């Protein structure tokens, strides 16, 4: 296939870094919701990226992908529980749906094409 021809260790590294960035940003936005200092939020995001689920099993990209969307699940639950603003539960529902879908399908494009076409 065309995708597998160009899939090499460099592409795997880029995919791993993007998954790590998604997880780190999720922790950052979740902690900023609690009005925590930006430096501490960035530090927690980096600590989450450097945790064992990301780098313990590098050959299992699905484990890393599932862990990357875990902070987004926490953020979405927090948005849905805190209903002071009428728009926030809808944002939380959207984030929950998207992150759960990407966790379960592994972000594989073929699954998304089959489900939404």
C-alpha atoms as a PDB file:
ATOM      1  CA  UNK A   1       0.000   0.000   0.000  1.00  0.00           C
ATOM      2  CA  UNK A   2       1.028   3.580  -0.485  1.00  0.00           C
ATOM      3  CA  UNK A   3       0.988   4.367   3.237  1.00  0.00           C
ATOM      4  CA  UNK A   4       3.190   1.449   4.216  1.00  0.00           C
ATOM      5  CA  UNK A   5       5.769   2.305   1.567  1.00  0.00           C
ATOM      6  CA  UNK A   6       6.536   5.624   3.254  1.00  0.00           C
ATOM      7  CA  UNK A   7       6.127   4.426   6.848  1.00  0.00           C
ATOM      8  CA  UNK A   8       9.590   4.337   8.342  1.00  0.00           C
ATOM      9  CA  UNK A   9      11.112   5.025  11.767  1.00  0.00           C
ATOM     10  CA  UNK A  10      11.065   8.780  11.118  1.00  0.00           C
ATOM     11  CA  UNK A  11       7.337   8.736  10.448  1.00  0.00           C
ATOM     12  CA  UNK A  12       6.813   6.630  13.569  1.00  0.00           C
ATOM     13  CA  UNK A  13       8.759   9.187  15.602  1.00  0.00           C
ATOM     14  CA  UNK A  14       6.650  12.040  14.212  1.00  0.00           C
ATOM     15  CA  UNK A  15       3.471  10.120  15.023  1.00  0.00           C
ATOM     16  CA  UNK A  16       4.727   9.479  18.549  1.00  0.00           C
ATOM     17  CA  UNK A  17       5.576  13.159  19.041  1.00  0.00           C
ATOM     18  CA  UNK A  18       2.158  14.271  17.786  1.00  0.00           C
ATOM     19  CA  UNK A  19       0.437  11.864  20.189  1.00  0.00           C
ATOM     20  CA  UNK A  20       2.600  13.180  23.017  1.00  0.00           C
ATOM     21  CA  UNK A  21       1.721  16.754  22.090  1.00  0.00           C
ATOM     22  CA  UNK A  22      -1.994  15.915  22.119  1.00  0.00           C
ATOM     23  CA  UNK A  23      -1.684  14.436  25.618  1.00  0.00           C
ATOM     24  CA  UNK A  24       0.422  17.309  26.933  1.00  0.00           C
ATOM     25  CA  UNK A  25      -1.992  19.889  25.583  1.00  0.00           C
ATOM     26  CA  UNK A  26      -4.887  18.004  27.148  1.00  0.00           C
ATOM     27  CA  UNK A  27      -3.254  18.162  30.575  1.00  0.00           C
ATOM     28  CA  UNK A  28      -2.393  21.837  30.038  1.00  0.00           C
ATOM     29  CA  UNK A  29      -5.963  22.847  29.141  1.00  0.00           C
ATOM     30  CA  UNK A  30      -7.461  20.694  31.874  1.00  0.00           C
ATOM     31  CA  UNK A  31      -5.255  22.270  34.550  1.00  0.00           C
ATOM     32  CA  UNK A  32      -5.782  25.791  33.165  1.00  0.00           C
ATOM     33  CA  UNK A  33      -9.490  25.159  33.749  1.00  0.00           C
ATOM     34  CA  UNK A  34      -8.682  24.991  37.471  1.00  0.00           C
ATOM     35  CA  UNK A  35      -6.841  28.342  37.165  1.00  0.00           C
ATOM     36  CA  UNK A  36      -3.442  26.798  37.815  1.00  0.00           C
ATOM     37  CA  UNK A  37      -0.356  28.786  36.870  1.00  0.00           C
ATOM     38  CA  UNK A  38       0.773  28.383  33.241  1.00  0.00           C
ATOM     39  CA  UNK A  39       4.266  27.250  34.232  1.00  0.00           C
ATOM     40  CA  UNK A  40       2.864  24.529  36.482  1.00  0.00           C
ATOM     41  CA  UNK A  41       0.389  23.480  33.794  1.00  0.00           C
ATOM     42  CA  UNK A  42       3.175  23.166  31.219  1.00  0.00           C
ATOM     43  CA  UNK A  43       5.304  21.251  33.742  1.00  0.00           C
ATOM     44  CA  UNK A  44       2.431  18.843  34.412  1.00  0.00           C
ATOM     45  CA  UNK A  45       1.936  18.386  30.669  1.00  0.00           C
ATOM     46  CA  UNK A  46       5.620  17.560  30.214  1.00  0.00           C
ATOM     47  CA  UNK A  47       5.485  15.174  33.184  1.00  0.00           C
ATOM     48  CA  UNK A  48       2.467  13.460  31.657  1.00  0.00           C
ATOM     49  CA  UNK A  49       4.281  13.133  28.330  1.00  0.00           C
ATOM     50  CA  UNK A  50       7.311  11.651  30.092  1.00  0.00           C
ATOM     51  CA  UNK A  51       5.223   9.126  32.015  1.00  0.00           C
ATOM     52  CA  UNK A  52       5.443   5.372  31.569  1.00  0.00           C
ATOM     53  CA  UNK A  53       2.343   4.795  29.369  1.00  0.00           C
ATOM     54  CA  UNK A  54       3.861   6.925  26.619  1.00  0.00           C
ATOM     55  CA  UNK A  55       7.337   5.436  26.557  1.00  0.00           C
ATOM     56  CA  UNK A  56       7.061   2.075  28.276  1.00  0.00           C
ATOM     57  CA  UNK A  57       5.735   0.249  25.206  1.00  0.00           C
ATOM     58  CA  UNK A  58       6.889   2.159  22.151  1.00  0.00           C
ATOM     59  CA  UNK A  59       5.909  -0.642  19.812  1.00  0.00           C
ATOM     60  CA  UNK A  60       2.262  -0.333  20.880  1.00  0.00           C
ATOM     61  CA  UNK A  61       1.194   2.976  19.383  1.00  0.00           C
ATOM     62  CA  UNK A  62      -2.421   2.265  20.370  1.00  0.00           C
ATOM     63  CA  UNK A  63      -1.499   2.446  24.072  1.00  0.00           C
ATOM     64  CA  UNK A  64       0.131   5.805  23.548  1.00  0.00           C
ATOM     65  CA  UNK A  65      -2.835   7.037  21.533  1.00  0.00           C
ATOM     66  CA  UNK A  66      -5.286   5.964  24.232  1.00  0.00           C
ATOM     67  CA  UNK A  67      -3.244   7.761  26.876  1.00  0.00           C
ATOM     68  CA  UNK A  68      -2.998  10.882  24.703  1.00  0.00           C
ATOM     69  CA  UNK A  69      -6.757  11.361  24.768  1.00  0.00           C
ATOM     70  CA  UNK A  70      -7.222  10.514  28.457  1.00  0.00           C
ATOM     71  CA  UNK A  71      -6.714  14.139  29.656  1.00  0.00           C
ATOM     72  CA  UNK A  72      -9.247  15.268  27.073  1.00  0.00           C
ATOM     73  CA  UNK A  73     -11.746  12.858  28.655  1.00  0.00           C
ATOM     74  CA  UNK A  74     -11.046  14.435  32.045  1.00  0.00           C
ATOM     75  CA  UNK A  75     -11.511  17.918  30.576  1.00  0.00           C
ATOM     76  CA  UNK A  76     -14.770  16.975  28.887  1.00  0.00           C
ATOM     77  CA  UNK A  77     -16.194  15.437  32.059  1.00  0.00           C
ATOM     78  CA  UNK A  78     -15.238  18.559  33.977  1.00  0.00           C
ATOM     79  CA  UNK A  79     -16.929  20.759  31.379  1.00  0.00           C
ATOM     80  CA  UNK A  80     -20.096  18.684  31.471  1.00  0.00           C
ATOM     81  CA  UNK A  81     -20.286  18.537  35.269  1.00  0.00           C
ATOM     82  CA  UNK A  82     -19.690  22.251  35.728  1.00  0.00           C
ATOM     83  CA  UNK A  83     -22.812  23.675  34.089  1.00  0.00           C
ATOM     84  CA  UNK A  84     -22.556  27.335  35.124  1.00  0.00           C
ATOM     85  CA  UNK A  85     -22.338  28.388  31.491  1.00  0.00           C
ATOM     86  CA  UNK A  86     -24.939  26.932  29.141  1.00  0.00           C
ATOM     87  CA  UNK A  87     -22.418  26.433  26.310  1.00  0.00           C
ATOM     88  CA  UNK A  88     -19.857  24.480  28.313  1.00  0.00           C
ATOM     89  CA  UNK A  89     -21.822  21.220  28.631  1.00  0.00           C
ATOM     90  CA  UNK A  90     -22.099  21.113  24.826  1.00  0.00           C
ATOM     91  CA  UNK A  91     -18.374  21.724  24.471  1.00  0.00           C
ATOM     92  CA  UNK A  92     -17.734  18.948  26.970  1.00  0.00           C
ATOM     93  CA  UNK A  93     -20.069  16.585  25.124  1.00  0.00           C
ATOM     94  CA  UNK A  94     -18.317  17.303  21.834  1.00  0.00           C
ATOM     95  CA  UNK A  95     -14.831  16.792  23.328  1.00  0.00           C
ATOM     96  CA  UNK A  96     -15.998  13.598  25.064  1.00  0.00           C
ATOM     97  CA  UNK A  97     -17.453  12.172  21.865  1.00  0.00           C
ATOM     98  CA  UNK A  98     -14.433  13.038  19.743  1.00  0.00           C
ATOM     99  CA  UNK A  99     -11.800  11.858  22.211  1.00  0.00           C
ATOM    100  CA  UNK A 100     -13.643   8.614  22.967  1.00  0.00           C
ATOM    101  CA  UNK A 101     -14.039   7.903  19.254  1.00  0.00           C
ATOM    102  CA  UNK A 102     -10.346   8.510  18.598  1.00  0.00           C
ATOM    103  CA  UNK A 103      -9.340   6.403  21.606  1.00  0.00           C
ATOM    104  CA  UNK A 104     -11.475   3.463  20.520  1.00  0.00           C
ATOM    105  CA  UNK A 105     -10.609   3.542  16.824  1.00  0.00           C
ATOM    106  CA  UNK A 106      -6.961   4.366  17.336  1.00  0.00           C
ATOM    107  CA  UNK A 107      -7.304   7.322  14.992  1.00  0.00           C
ATOM    108  CA  UNK A 108      -7.201   4.923  12.046  1.00  0.00           C
ATOM    109  CA  UNK A 109      -8.536   6.836   9.010  1.00  0.00           C
ATOM    110  CA  UNK A 110     -10.161   3.764   7.438  1.00  0.00           C
ATOM    111  CA  UNK A 111     -12.513   3.395  10.400  1.00  0.00           C
ATOM    112  CA  UNK A 112     -13.487   7.042  10.202  1.00  0.00           C
ATOM    113  CA  UNK A 113     -14.137   6.854   6.460  1.00  0.00           C
ATOM    114  CA  UNK A 114     -16.280   3.733   6.860  1.00  0.00           C
ATOM    115  CA  UNK A 115     -18.281   5.191   9.728  1.00  0.00           C
ATOM    116  CA  UNK A 116     -18.986   8.598   8.263  1.00  0.00           C
ATOM    117  CA  UNK A 117     -19.499   7.825   4.570  1.00  0.00           C
END
